[in-house]
C-alpha cells in the first residue's frame, strides 16, 4: 500500500512540474497564425533561440515570436504543441524542436 501511495505521489509531482503531460488535460489546438507562416517559441536567454533568430534573419524570413516566459498566449500555445524545450518552431504547420538549421531550411523551401 505504501508503494502505491509513493507511486501516485511521484506521478502527481511529475505532472505538476511538467515532466510528463497531464492525461486528463485537454490539448490546446494551435491555429496557424494568419499573419505568419513561421512562429518561434523561445526565451530571451537561450543561445539556440538566438541562433534561430539569426538564421531566420539571414534567410530573410518573417516570423512571429513568443517569449514563453513573458507571453501567456505563447506559453499556452507552446504547451499545446507539447513543448519541452526551446527553441520550438512552427513552420507552415510543421514542428521543429531545437535548433536544426537543415530541417528549418528544408521546411522553408515549401513556403
N, C-alpha and C. Protein backbone atom coordinates (compact mmCIF):
# COMPACT_ATOMS: atom_id res chain seq x y z
N UNK A 1 0.83 -1.19 0.00
CA UNK A 1 0.00 0.00 0.00
C UNK A 1 0.87 1.26 0.00
N UNK A 2 1.95 1.20 0.79
CA UNK A 2 2.86 2.34 0.86
C UNK A 2 3.52 2.60 -0.49
N UNK A 3 3.85 1.56 -1.23
CA UNK A 3 4.47 1.67 -2.55
C UNK A 3 3.52 2.34 -3.54
N UNK A 4 2.25 1.97 -3.50
CA UNK A 4 1.25 2.57 -4.39
C UNK A 4 1.10 4.06 -4.09
N UNK A 5 1.06 4.40 -2.82
CA UNK A 5 0.92 5.81 -2.43
C UNK A 5 2.13 6.61 -2.90
N UNK A 6 3.32 6.05 -2.78
CA UNK A 6 4.53 6.72 -3.24
C UNK A 6 4.53 6.89 -4.76
N UNK A 7 4.06 5.88 -5.47
CA UNK A 7 4.00 5.95 -6.93
C UNK A 7 3.01 7.03 -7.37
N UNK A 8 1.86 7.10 -6.72
CA UNK A 8 0.87 8.13 -7.05
C UNK A 8 1.43 9.51 -6.76
N UNK A 9 2.11 9.68 -5.63
CA UNK A 9 2.70 10.97 -5.29
C UNK A 9 3.77 11.36 -6.32
N UNK A 10 4.55 10.39 -6.77
CA UNK A 10 5.59 10.67 -7.77
C UNK A 10 4.96 11.13 -9.09
N UNK A 11 3.90 10.47 -9.51
CA UNK A 11 3.22 10.85 -10.75
C UNK A 11 2.63 12.26 -10.62
N UNK A 12 2.04 12.56 -9.49
CA UNK A 12 1.47 13.89 -9.27
C UNK A 12 2.56 14.95 -9.36
N UNK A 13 3.70 14.70 -8.76
CA UNK A 13 4.81 15.66 -8.83
C UNK A 13 5.33 15.82 -10.25
N UNK A 14 5.44 14.72 -10.98
CA UNK A 14 5.92 14.79 -12.36
C UNK A 14 4.96 15.60 -13.23
N UNK A 15 3.67 15.45 -13.02
CA UNK A 15 2.68 16.23 -13.77
C UNK A 15 2.75 17.69 -13.35
N UNK A 16 2.85 17.93 -12.05
CA UNK A 16 2.90 19.31 -11.53
C UNK A 16 4.07 20.08 -12.11
N UNK A 17 5.23 19.45 -12.19
CA UNK A 17 6.42 20.13 -12.69
C UNK A 17 6.63 19.91 -14.19
N UNK A 18 5.57 19.43 -14.86
CA UNK A 18 5.51 19.29 -16.31
C UNK A 18 6.61 18.41 -16.90
N UNK A 19 7.05 17.42 -16.14
CA UNK A 19 7.99 16.44 -16.67
C UNK A 19 7.25 15.48 -17.58
N UNK A 20 6.02 15.17 -17.20
CA UNK A 20 5.14 14.37 -18.04
C UNK A 20 3.84 15.15 -18.24
N UNK A 21 3.14 14.84 -19.31
CA UNK A 21 1.88 15.53 -19.59
C UNK A 21 0.76 15.03 -18.70
N UNK A 22 -0.24 15.87 -18.52
CA UNK A 22 -1.41 15.51 -17.74
C UNK A 22 -2.39 14.79 -18.66
N UNK A 23 -2.66 13.51 -18.42
CA UNK A 23 -3.56 12.78 -19.31
C UNK A 23 -5.01 13.24 -19.24
N UNK A 24 -5.37 14.01 -18.22
CA UNK A 24 -6.74 14.47 -18.05
C UNK A 24 -6.96 15.88 -18.59
N UNK A 25 -5.88 16.53 -19.01
CA UNK A 25 -5.97 17.89 -19.53
C UNK A 25 -6.18 17.84 -21.03
N UNK A 26 -7.13 18.64 -21.51
CA UNK A 26 -7.38 18.66 -22.95
C UNK A 26 -6.24 19.37 -23.65
N UNK A 27 -5.93 18.92 -24.85
CA UNK A 27 -4.87 19.54 -25.63
C UNK A 27 -5.37 20.83 -26.26
N UNK A 28 -4.50 21.82 -26.29
CA UNK A 28 -4.81 23.09 -26.92
C UNK A 28 -4.58 22.92 -28.41
N UNK A 29 -5.56 23.29 -29.21
CA UNK A 29 -5.40 23.26 -30.65
C UNK A 29 -4.76 24.58 -31.05
N UNK A 30 -3.61 24.51 -31.69
CA UNK A 30 -2.88 25.71 -32.04
C UNK A 30 -3.19 26.08 -33.48
N UNK A 31 -3.87 27.21 -33.68
CA UNK A 31 -4.14 27.63 -35.06
C UNK A 31 -2.88 28.22 -35.67
N UNK A 32 -2.71 28.02 -36.98
CA UNK A 32 -1.61 28.67 -37.67
C UNK A 32 -1.94 30.15 -37.74
N UNK A 33 -1.02 30.97 -37.30
CA UNK A 33 -1.25 32.41 -37.27
C UNK A 33 -1.41 32.93 -38.69
N UNK A 34 -2.47 33.68 -38.89
CA UNK A 34 -2.79 34.19 -40.23
C UNK A 34 -1.72 35.13 -40.76
N UNK A 35 -1.03 35.82 -39.85
CA UNK A 35 -0.04 36.80 -40.28
C UNK A 35 1.38 36.23 -40.33
N UNK A 36 1.57 34.95 -40.05
CA UNK A 36 2.92 34.39 -40.07
C UNK A 36 2.88 32.91 -40.41
N UNK A 37 3.70 32.51 -41.38
CA UNK A 37 3.85 31.09 -41.68
C UNK A 37 4.87 30.44 -40.74
N UNK A 38 5.66 31.29 -40.06
CA UNK A 38 6.69 30.81 -39.15
C UNK A 38 6.46 31.44 -37.78
N UNK A 39 6.35 30.58 -36.76
CA UNK A 39 6.17 31.05 -35.39
C UNK A 39 7.28 30.44 -34.55
N UNK A 40 7.97 31.29 -33.79
CA UNK A 40 9.06 30.88 -32.93
C UNK A 40 8.64 31.01 -31.47
N UNK A 41 8.77 29.92 -30.73
CA UNK A 41 8.55 29.93 -29.28
C UNK A 41 9.93 29.84 -28.66
N UNK A 42 10.28 30.86 -27.86
CA UNK A 42 11.65 30.97 -27.39
C UNK A 42 11.70 31.64 -26.02
N UNK A 43 12.92 31.84 -25.53
CA UNK A 43 13.17 32.64 -24.34
C UNK A 43 14.25 33.66 -24.67
N UNK A 44 14.37 34.67 -23.85
CA UNK A 44 15.35 35.73 -24.11
C UNK A 44 16.78 35.27 -23.85
N UNK A 45 16.99 34.31 -22.97
CA UNK A 45 18.32 33.91 -22.54
C UNK A 45 18.91 32.72 -23.30
N UNK A 46 18.12 32.08 -24.15
CA UNK A 46 18.53 30.84 -24.82
C UNK A 46 19.45 31.12 -26.02
N UNK A 47 20.64 30.54 -26.01
CA UNK A 47 21.59 30.70 -27.10
C UNK A 47 21.10 30.10 -28.40
N UNK A 48 20.44 28.95 -28.34
CA UNK A 48 19.92 28.33 -29.55
C UNK A 48 18.74 29.13 -30.13
N UNK A 49 17.99 29.79 -29.25
CA UNK A 49 16.92 30.68 -29.72
C UNK A 49 17.53 31.85 -30.48
N UNK A 50 18.62 32.38 -29.93
CA UNK A 50 19.33 33.49 -30.59
C UNK A 50 19.84 33.04 -31.96
N UNK A 51 20.41 31.84 -32.02
CA UNK A 51 20.92 31.31 -33.29
C UNK A 51 19.78 31.12 -34.29
N UNK A 52 18.61 30.70 -33.81
CA UNK A 52 17.45 30.53 -34.68
C UNK A 52 17.00 31.87 -35.23
N UNK A 53 16.95 32.89 -34.37
CA UNK A 53 16.59 34.24 -34.82
C UNK A 53 17.56 34.73 -35.90
N UNK A 54 18.86 34.50 -35.66
CA UNK A 54 19.88 34.93 -36.62
C UNK A 54 19.71 34.21 -37.96
N UNK A 55 19.44 32.90 -37.92
CA UNK A 55 19.25 32.13 -39.15
C UNK A 55 18.04 32.66 -39.92
N UNK A 56 16.94 32.86 -39.24
CA UNK A 56 15.74 33.38 -39.90
C UNK A 56 16.00 34.76 -40.49
N UNK A 57 16.76 35.58 -39.77
CA UNK A 57 17.11 36.90 -40.27
C UNK A 57 17.99 36.83 -41.51
N UNK A 58 19.00 35.95 -41.48
CA UNK A 58 19.89 35.78 -42.64
C UNK A 58 19.13 35.31 -43.86
N UNK A 59 18.12 34.49 -43.63
CA UNK A 59 17.32 33.96 -44.74
C UNK A 59 16.21 34.92 -45.16
N UNK A 60 16.05 36.00 -44.42
CA UNK A 60 15.02 36.99 -44.75
C UNK A 60 13.60 36.48 -44.52
N UNK A 61 13.45 35.62 -43.54
CA UNK A 61 12.14 35.01 -43.27
C UNK A 61 11.40 35.81 -42.20
N UNK A 62 10.22 36.34 -42.52
CA UNK A 62 9.42 36.99 -41.48
C UNK A 62 8.82 35.93 -40.56
N UNK A 63 8.78 36.24 -39.27
CA UNK A 63 8.24 35.27 -38.32
C UNK A 63 7.62 36.01 -37.14
N UNK A 64 6.76 35.29 -36.45
CA UNK A 64 6.15 35.81 -35.23
C UNK A 64 6.83 35.08 -34.07
N UNK A 65 7.20 35.82 -33.04
CA UNK A 65 7.90 35.21 -31.91
C UNK A 65 7.11 35.40 -30.63
N UNK A 66 7.11 34.35 -29.81
CA UNK A 66 6.54 34.40 -28.47
C UNK A 66 7.63 34.05 -27.48
N UNK A 67 7.85 34.91 -26.49
CA UNK A 67 8.72 34.57 -25.37
C UNK A 67 7.85 33.80 -24.39
N UNK A 68 8.08 32.53 -24.26
CA UNK A 68 7.17 31.68 -23.48
C UNK A 68 7.21 31.99 -21.99
N UNK A 69 8.19 32.77 -21.56
CA UNK A 69 8.24 33.16 -20.15
C UNK A 69 7.46 34.44 -19.88
N UNK A 70 7.18 35.21 -20.93
CA UNK A 70 6.51 36.50 -20.74
C UNK A 70 5.18 36.63 -21.47
N UNK A 71 4.82 35.66 -22.28
CA UNK A 71 3.57 35.73 -23.04
C UNK A 71 2.65 34.58 -22.62
N UNK A 72 1.50 34.94 -22.07
CA UNK A 72 0.53 33.92 -21.66
C UNK A 72 0.06 33.12 -22.88
N UNK A 73 -0.25 33.82 -23.97
CA UNK A 73 -0.68 33.15 -25.20
C UNK A 73 0.43 32.24 -25.72
N UNK A 74 1.66 32.76 -25.73
CA UNK A 74 2.79 31.96 -26.21
C UNK A 74 3.00 30.71 -25.38
N UNK A 75 2.93 30.85 -24.06
CA UNK A 75 3.11 29.69 -23.18
C UNK A 75 2.01 28.66 -23.41
N UNK A 76 0.77 29.12 -23.59
CA UNK A 76 -0.36 28.22 -23.81
C UNK A 76 -0.18 27.46 -25.13
N UNK A 77 0.19 28.18 -26.18
CA UNK A 77 0.40 27.54 -27.48
C UNK A 77 1.57 26.56 -27.42
N UNK A 78 2.64 26.96 -26.75
CA UNK A 78 3.82 26.12 -26.58
C UNK A 78 3.45 24.80 -25.89
N UNK A 79 2.66 24.90 -24.83
CA UNK A 79 2.21 23.69 -24.14
C UNK A 79 1.32 22.85 -25.04
N UNK A 80 0.48 23.50 -25.86
CA UNK A 80 -0.38 22.79 -26.78
C UNK A 80 0.39 22.02 -27.84
N UNK A 81 1.62 22.48 -28.11
CA UNK A 81 2.50 21.79 -29.06
C UNK A 81 3.38 20.76 -28.36
N UNK A 82 3.09 20.51 -27.08
CA UNK A 82 3.86 19.57 -26.26
C UNK A 82 5.31 20.03 -26.15
N UNK A 83 5.48 21.34 -25.96
CA UNK A 83 6.82 21.91 -25.86
C UNK A 83 7.54 21.43 -24.62
N UNK A 84 8.77 21.00 -24.81
CA UNK A 84 9.60 20.53 -23.70
C UNK A 84 10.92 21.29 -23.64
N UNK A 85 11.21 22.05 -24.66
CA UNK A 85 12.45 22.81 -24.70
C UNK A 85 12.34 23.89 -25.75
N UNK A 86 13.30 24.80 -25.74
CA UNK A 86 13.31 25.88 -26.72
C UNK A 86 14.62 25.82 -27.49
N UNK A 87 14.65 26.33 -28.69
CA UNK A 87 13.53 26.90 -29.43
C UNK A 87 12.59 25.83 -29.97
N UNK A 88 11.37 26.24 -30.20
CA UNK A 88 10.38 25.41 -30.87
C UNK A 88 9.82 26.27 -31.99
N UNK A 89 9.92 25.76 -33.20
CA UNK A 89 9.45 26.48 -34.38
C UNK A 89 8.24 25.78 -34.97
N UNK A 90 7.30 26.57 -35.43
CA UNK A 90 6.16 26.07 -36.18
C UNK A 90 6.28 26.68 -37.57
N UNK A 91 6.61 25.84 -38.55
CA UNK A 91 6.81 26.32 -39.92
C UNK A 91 5.73 25.71 -40.79
N UNK A 92 4.79 26.54 -41.19
CA UNK A 92 3.69 26.11 -42.05
C UNK A 92 3.02 24.84 -41.51
N UNK A 93 2.82 24.81 -40.19
CA UNK A 93 2.15 23.69 -39.55
C UNK A 93 3.06 22.55 -39.11
N UNK A 94 4.33 22.57 -39.50
CA UNK A 94 5.30 21.54 -39.11
C UNK A 94 6.10 22.02 -37.90
N UNK A 95 6.38 21.13 -36.96
CA UNK A 95 7.11 21.48 -35.75
C UNK A 95 8.58 21.12 -35.88
N UNK A 96 9.44 22.07 -35.48
CA UNK A 96 10.88 21.82 -35.39
C UNK A 96 11.26 22.05 -33.93
N UNK A 97 11.75 21.01 -33.29
CA UNK A 97 12.15 21.11 -31.89
C UNK A 97 13.66 21.28 -31.82
N UNK A 98 14.09 22.34 -31.14
CA UNK A 98 15.52 22.61 -31.01
C UNK A 98 16.06 23.34 -32.23
N UNK A 99 17.34 23.64 -32.18
CA UNK A 99 17.99 24.35 -33.28
C UNK A 99 18.46 23.32 -34.31
N UNK A 100 17.78 23.30 -35.46
CA UNK A 100 18.08 22.34 -36.51
C UNK A 100 18.07 23.09 -37.85
N UNK A 101 19.21 23.74 -38.19
CA UNK A 101 19.23 24.58 -39.39
C UNK A 101 18.84 23.84 -40.67
N UNK A 102 19.26 22.59 -40.82
CA UNK A 102 18.93 21.84 -42.04
C UNK A 102 17.43 21.61 -42.17
N UNK A 103 16.79 21.22 -41.08
CA UNK A 103 15.34 20.99 -41.10
C UNK A 103 14.59 22.30 -41.33
N UNK A 104 15.07 23.37 -40.70
CA UNK A 104 14.43 24.68 -40.86
C UNK A 104 14.49 25.10 -42.33
N UNK A 105 15.66 25.00 -42.94
CA UNK A 105 15.81 25.39 -44.36
C UNK A 105 14.97 24.51 -45.25
N UNK A 106 14.91 23.22 -44.96
CA UNK A 106 14.10 22.28 -45.75
C UNK A 106 12.62 22.69 -45.72
N UNK A 107 12.10 22.98 -44.53
CA UNK A 107 10.69 23.34 -44.41
C UNK A 107 10.40 24.72 -45.01
N UNK A 108 11.37 25.62 -44.95
CA UNK A 108 11.16 26.95 -45.52
C UNK A 108 11.09 26.93 -47.04
N UNK A 109 11.68 25.92 -47.67
CA UNK A 109 11.61 25.80 -49.12
C UNK A 109 10.18 25.56 -49.60
N UNK A 110 9.35 25.01 -48.70
CA UNK A 110 7.98 24.67 -49.06
C UNK A 110 6.99 25.82 -48.83
N UNK A 111 7.49 26.95 -48.37
CA UNK A 111 6.59 28.09 -48.08
C UNK A 111 6.44 28.93 -49.32
